N, C-alpha and C. Protein backbone atom coordinates (compact mmCIF):
# COMPACT_ATOMS: atom_id res chain seq x y z
N MET A 1 -29.78 -16.47 -17.07
CA MET A 1 -29.25 -16.68 -15.74
C MET A 1 -27.74 -16.48 -15.72
N THR A 2 -27.23 -16.18 -14.55
CA THR A 2 -25.81 -15.92 -14.41
C THR A 2 -25.00 -17.15 -14.07
N GLY A 3 -25.62 -18.24 -13.73
CA GLY A 3 -24.88 -19.43 -13.38
C GLY A 3 -24.46 -19.46 -11.92
N TRP A 4 -25.10 -18.67 -11.07
CA TRP A 4 -24.73 -18.63 -9.66
C TRP A 4 -24.99 -19.95 -8.96
N GLU A 5 -25.83 -20.78 -9.54
CA GLU A 5 -26.15 -22.04 -8.90
C GLU A 5 -25.04 -23.08 -9.07
N ASN A 6 -24.07 -22.81 -9.94
CA ASN A 6 -22.97 -23.74 -10.18
C ASN A 6 -21.92 -23.62 -9.08
N ALA A 7 -21.29 -24.72 -8.76
CA ALA A 7 -20.22 -24.72 -7.77
C ALA A 7 -18.98 -24.04 -8.36
N PRO A 8 -18.20 -23.34 -7.54
CA PRO A 8 -16.99 -22.70 -8.06
C PRO A 8 -15.96 -23.73 -8.51
N THR A 9 -15.17 -23.36 -9.47
CA THR A 9 -14.11 -24.21 -9.98
C THR A 9 -12.86 -24.04 -9.11
N PRO A 10 -12.28 -25.11 -8.60
CA PRO A 10 -11.06 -24.98 -7.80
C PRO A 10 -9.95 -24.32 -8.61
N VAL A 11 -9.15 -23.49 -7.95
CA VAL A 11 -8.09 -22.76 -8.64
C VAL A 11 -6.69 -23.30 -8.33
N GLY A 12 -6.59 -24.29 -7.47
CA GLY A 12 -5.28 -24.86 -7.16
C GLY A 12 -4.58 -24.11 -6.04
N GLU A 13 -3.31 -24.39 -5.90
CA GLU A 13 -2.50 -23.79 -4.83
C GLU A 13 -1.59 -22.73 -5.41
N THR A 14 -1.37 -21.68 -4.66
CA THR A 14 -0.45 -20.63 -5.08
C THR A 14 0.98 -21.00 -4.68
N PRO A 15 1.96 -20.64 -5.51
CA PRO A 15 3.35 -20.90 -5.13
C PRO A 15 3.87 -19.86 -4.12
N TRP A 16 3.07 -18.85 -3.81
CA TRP A 16 3.48 -17.76 -2.93
C TRP A 16 2.92 -17.97 -1.54
N SER A 17 3.61 -17.42 -0.56
CA SER A 17 3.08 -17.45 0.80
C SER A 17 3.02 -16.01 1.32
N PHE A 18 1.97 -15.72 2.04
CA PHE A 18 1.79 -14.41 2.64
C PHE A 18 2.04 -14.51 4.13
N PRO A 19 2.46 -13.41 4.76
CA PRO A 19 2.70 -13.47 6.21
C PRO A 19 1.42 -13.78 6.98
N ASP A 20 1.60 -14.40 8.13
CA ASP A 20 0.48 -14.65 9.03
C ASP A 20 -0.07 -13.30 9.50
N PRO A 21 -1.39 -13.14 9.57
CA PRO A 21 -1.96 -11.86 10.00
C PRO A 21 -1.43 -11.35 11.33
N SER A 22 -1.04 -12.24 12.23
CA SER A 22 -0.48 -11.78 13.52
C SER A 22 0.89 -11.13 13.34
N ASP A 23 1.54 -11.35 12.19
CA ASP A 23 2.85 -10.76 11.92
C ASP A 23 2.78 -9.52 11.03
N TRP A 24 1.57 -9.08 10.67
CA TRP A 24 1.44 -7.94 9.77
C TRP A 24 1.92 -6.66 10.44
N PRO A 25 2.53 -5.77 9.65
CA PRO A 25 2.96 -4.48 10.19
C PRO A 25 1.75 -3.60 10.52
N ASP A 26 2.01 -2.49 11.19
CA ASP A 26 0.92 -1.60 11.58
C ASP A 26 0.34 -0.80 10.42
N ASP A 27 1.09 -0.64 9.33
CA ASP A 27 0.53 0.09 8.20
C ASP A 27 -0.26 -0.86 7.29
N ASP A 28 -0.86 -0.32 6.24
CA ASP A 28 -1.76 -1.11 5.40
C ASP A 28 -1.03 -2.03 4.42
N LEU A 29 0.23 -1.74 4.08
CA LEU A 29 1.00 -2.58 3.15
C LEU A 29 1.55 -3.78 3.91
N VAL A 30 1.15 -4.96 3.49
CA VAL A 30 1.52 -6.18 4.20
C VAL A 30 2.65 -6.93 3.51
N ALA A 31 2.64 -6.96 2.17
CA ALA A 31 3.65 -7.72 1.43
C ALA A 31 3.82 -7.09 0.05
N ALA A 32 4.89 -7.48 -0.64
CA ALA A 32 5.13 -7.01 -2.00
C ALA A 32 5.62 -8.17 -2.85
N GLY A 33 5.23 -8.15 -4.12
CA GLY A 33 5.63 -9.20 -5.05
C GLY A 33 4.48 -10.14 -5.36
N ALA A 34 4.80 -11.32 -5.82
CA ALA A 34 3.84 -12.37 -6.20
C ALA A 34 3.24 -12.08 -7.57
N ASP A 35 2.15 -12.75 -7.89
CA ASP A 35 1.51 -12.60 -9.20
C ASP A 35 0.01 -12.40 -8.98
N LEU A 36 -0.72 -12.28 -10.08
CA LEU A 36 -2.17 -12.12 -10.00
C LEU A 36 -2.91 -13.36 -10.50
N GLY A 37 -2.28 -14.51 -10.36
CA GLY A 37 -2.93 -15.76 -10.75
C GLY A 37 -4.14 -16.04 -9.87
N PRO A 38 -5.10 -16.80 -10.38
CA PRO A 38 -6.31 -17.08 -9.61
C PRO A 38 -6.03 -17.67 -8.22
N ALA A 39 -5.09 -18.59 -8.12
CA ALA A 39 -4.81 -19.21 -6.82
C ALA A 39 -4.20 -18.19 -5.85
N THR A 40 -3.36 -17.31 -6.35
CA THR A 40 -2.76 -16.27 -5.51
C THR A 40 -3.83 -15.30 -5.02
N LEU A 41 -4.71 -14.88 -5.93
CA LEU A 41 -5.78 -13.95 -5.54
C LEU A 41 -6.70 -14.56 -4.48
N VAL A 42 -7.11 -15.80 -4.69
CA VAL A 42 -8.01 -16.45 -3.72
C VAL A 42 -7.32 -16.58 -2.37
N SER A 43 -6.06 -16.98 -2.38
CA SER A 43 -5.31 -17.12 -1.13
C SER A 43 -5.21 -15.78 -0.41
N ALA A 44 -4.90 -14.73 -1.15
CA ALA A 44 -4.78 -13.40 -0.56
C ALA A 44 -6.12 -12.89 -0.04
N TYR A 45 -7.17 -13.03 -0.85
CA TYR A 45 -8.49 -12.56 -0.44
C TYR A 45 -8.96 -13.25 0.84
N ARG A 46 -8.63 -14.52 0.98
CA ARG A 46 -9.03 -15.25 2.19
C ARG A 46 -8.37 -14.67 3.44
N LEU A 47 -7.20 -14.06 3.25
CA LEU A 47 -6.51 -13.42 4.37
C LEU A 47 -6.92 -11.96 4.56
N GLY A 48 -7.68 -11.43 3.60
CA GLY A 48 -8.05 -10.03 3.67
C GLY A 48 -7.05 -9.12 2.98
N LEU A 49 -6.27 -9.66 2.04
CA LEU A 49 -5.28 -8.88 1.29
C LEU A 49 -5.80 -8.56 -0.10
N PHE A 50 -5.46 -7.37 -0.57
CA PHE A 50 -5.92 -6.92 -1.87
C PHE A 50 -4.74 -6.34 -2.64
N PRO A 51 -4.60 -6.67 -3.94
CA PRO A 51 -3.45 -6.21 -4.72
C PRO A 51 -3.63 -4.77 -5.22
N MET A 52 -2.53 -4.04 -5.20
CA MET A 52 -2.49 -2.70 -5.77
C MET A 52 -1.01 -2.36 -5.95
N LYS A 53 -0.70 -1.66 -7.05
CA LYS A 53 0.72 -1.38 -7.28
C LYS A 53 1.25 -0.42 -6.22
N VAL A 54 2.55 -0.48 -6.01
CA VAL A 54 3.22 0.37 -5.04
C VAL A 54 3.83 1.55 -5.78
N ASP A 55 3.44 2.75 -5.40
CA ASP A 55 3.93 3.98 -6.02
C ASP A 55 3.77 3.92 -7.54
N GLU A 56 4.75 4.44 -8.25
CA GLU A 56 4.70 4.43 -9.71
C GLU A 56 5.49 3.28 -10.31
N GLY A 57 6.05 2.45 -9.46
CA GLY A 57 6.85 1.33 -9.94
C GLY A 57 6.00 0.19 -10.44
N ARG A 58 6.67 -0.91 -10.73
CA ARG A 58 5.97 -2.10 -11.25
C ARG A 58 5.80 -3.16 -10.17
N ILE A 59 6.05 -2.79 -8.94
CA ILE A 59 5.94 -3.73 -7.84
C ILE A 59 4.48 -3.84 -7.40
N LEU A 60 4.03 -5.05 -7.22
CA LEU A 60 2.68 -5.31 -6.76
C LEU A 60 2.68 -5.37 -5.24
N GLY A 61 1.88 -4.54 -4.61
CA GLY A 61 1.75 -4.56 -3.16
C GLY A 61 0.49 -5.29 -2.75
N TRP A 62 0.52 -5.89 -1.58
CA TRP A 62 -0.65 -6.58 -1.02
C TRP A 62 -1.06 -5.83 0.23
N TRP A 63 -2.25 -5.29 0.19
CA TRP A 63 -2.72 -4.35 1.20
C TRP A 63 -3.85 -4.93 2.02
N SER A 64 -3.90 -4.55 3.29
CA SER A 64 -5.01 -4.89 4.16
C SER A 64 -5.44 -3.60 4.86
N PRO A 65 -6.32 -2.84 4.22
CA PRO A 65 -6.70 -1.55 4.80
C PRO A 65 -7.45 -1.73 6.12
N ASP A 66 -7.18 -0.81 7.03
CA ASP A 66 -7.85 -0.83 8.32
C ASP A 66 -8.34 0.58 8.60
N PRO A 67 -9.62 0.84 8.66
CA PRO A 67 -10.71 -0.13 8.59
C PRO A 67 -10.99 -0.56 7.16
N ARG A 68 -11.64 -1.66 7.02
CA ARG A 68 -11.96 -2.24 5.71
C ARG A 68 -13.46 -2.21 5.50
N GLY A 69 -13.86 -1.91 4.29
CA GLY A 69 -15.29 -1.95 3.95
C GLY A 69 -15.71 -3.38 3.65
N VAL A 70 -16.82 -3.79 4.20
CA VAL A 70 -17.32 -5.15 3.99
C VAL A 70 -18.78 -5.05 3.55
N LEU A 71 -19.11 -5.73 2.48
CA LEU A 71 -20.49 -5.79 2.01
C LEU A 71 -21.08 -7.13 2.44
N PRO A 72 -22.02 -7.14 3.38
CA PRO A 72 -22.62 -8.40 3.80
C PRO A 72 -23.54 -8.94 2.71
N LEU A 73 -23.13 -9.99 2.05
CA LEU A 73 -23.87 -10.50 0.91
C LEU A 73 -25.17 -11.18 1.28
N ASP A 74 -25.30 -11.62 2.53
CA ASP A 74 -26.55 -12.27 2.91
C ASP A 74 -27.72 -11.28 2.95
N ALA A 75 -27.40 -9.98 3.02
CA ALA A 75 -28.45 -8.97 3.04
C ALA A 75 -28.47 -8.13 1.75
N LEU A 76 -27.71 -8.55 0.76
CA LEU A 76 -27.62 -7.79 -0.49
C LEU A 76 -28.94 -7.85 -1.24
N ARG A 77 -29.44 -6.70 -1.61
CA ARG A 77 -30.67 -6.62 -2.41
C ARG A 77 -30.27 -6.07 -3.78
N VAL A 78 -30.41 -6.88 -4.79
CA VAL A 78 -30.07 -6.47 -6.15
C VAL A 78 -31.33 -5.85 -6.77
N SER A 79 -31.31 -4.54 -6.87
CA SER A 79 -32.46 -3.83 -7.41
C SER A 79 -32.56 -4.01 -8.92
N ARG A 80 -33.70 -3.65 -9.46
CA ARG A 80 -33.91 -3.76 -10.91
C ARG A 80 -32.90 -2.90 -11.66
N SER A 81 -32.65 -1.70 -11.18
CA SER A 81 -31.69 -0.82 -11.87
C SER A 81 -30.27 -1.38 -11.81
N LEU A 82 -29.89 -2.03 -10.71
CA LEU A 82 -28.57 -2.65 -10.63
C LEU A 82 -28.46 -3.82 -11.60
N ARG A 83 -29.51 -4.64 -11.70
CA ARG A 83 -29.49 -5.74 -12.66
C ARG A 83 -29.35 -5.20 -14.09
N GLN A 84 -30.09 -4.15 -14.41
CA GLN A 84 -30.01 -3.55 -15.74
C GLN A 84 -28.62 -3.00 -16.00
N SER A 85 -28.04 -2.34 -15.02
CA SER A 85 -26.71 -1.78 -15.16
C SER A 85 -25.67 -2.89 -15.36
N ALA A 86 -25.83 -3.99 -14.62
CA ALA A 86 -24.90 -5.11 -14.76
C ALA A 86 -24.99 -5.74 -16.15
N ARG A 87 -26.19 -5.78 -16.72
CA ARG A 87 -26.35 -6.34 -18.06
C ARG A 87 -25.67 -5.46 -19.11
N ARG A 88 -25.70 -4.15 -18.91
CA ARG A 88 -25.08 -3.22 -19.87
C ARG A 88 -23.57 -3.15 -19.71
N SER A 89 -23.08 -3.47 -18.54
CA SER A 89 -21.65 -3.35 -18.24
C SER A 89 -20.86 -4.50 -18.84
N THR A 90 -19.64 -4.21 -19.23
CA THR A 90 -18.74 -5.25 -19.69
C THR A 90 -17.46 -5.18 -18.85
N SER A 91 -16.95 -6.32 -18.53
CA SER A 91 -15.69 -6.41 -17.80
C SER A 91 -14.71 -7.21 -18.62
N VAL A 92 -13.49 -6.76 -18.65
CA VAL A 92 -12.45 -7.46 -19.39
C VAL A 92 -11.31 -7.72 -18.43
N SER A 93 -10.85 -8.95 -18.41
CA SER A 93 -9.72 -9.32 -17.58
C SER A 93 -8.62 -9.87 -18.46
N THR A 94 -7.43 -9.31 -18.32
CA THR A 94 -6.29 -9.79 -19.11
C THR A 94 -5.16 -10.16 -18.15
N PRO A 95 -4.39 -11.16 -18.49
CA PRO A 95 -3.27 -11.53 -17.61
C PRO A 95 -2.21 -10.43 -17.61
N ALA A 96 -1.49 -10.33 -16.50
CA ALA A 96 -0.41 -9.36 -16.40
C ALA A 96 0.69 -9.72 -17.39
N SER A 97 1.24 -8.71 -17.99
CA SER A 97 2.32 -8.92 -18.95
C SER A 97 3.65 -9.08 -18.21
N PRO A 98 4.46 -10.05 -18.57
CA PRO A 98 5.74 -10.25 -17.86
C PRO A 98 6.82 -9.26 -18.30
N THR A 99 6.52 -8.33 -19.18
CA THR A 99 7.54 -7.38 -19.65
C THR A 99 7.91 -6.36 -18.63
């Protein structure tokens, strides 16, 4: 089993603040900076913001694409081939380096 029946672990509060959605600019880039800590990611995702670097620099941008793709999870059907693929797949997450 994957442990989906377990409650999520709280991630705390982020030290960063993102602009109110009513103040967002017309383009997709909403903010720049911050970190990729769990609390920052959860806070951003709740607003519909997603991290991606800006150009070739080391600046982290927070984007809200319009239109945005949404996968309705209440209707998600996990097929046998998707389950098999997920079992074979490995994901690695490493913290961002401060260098």
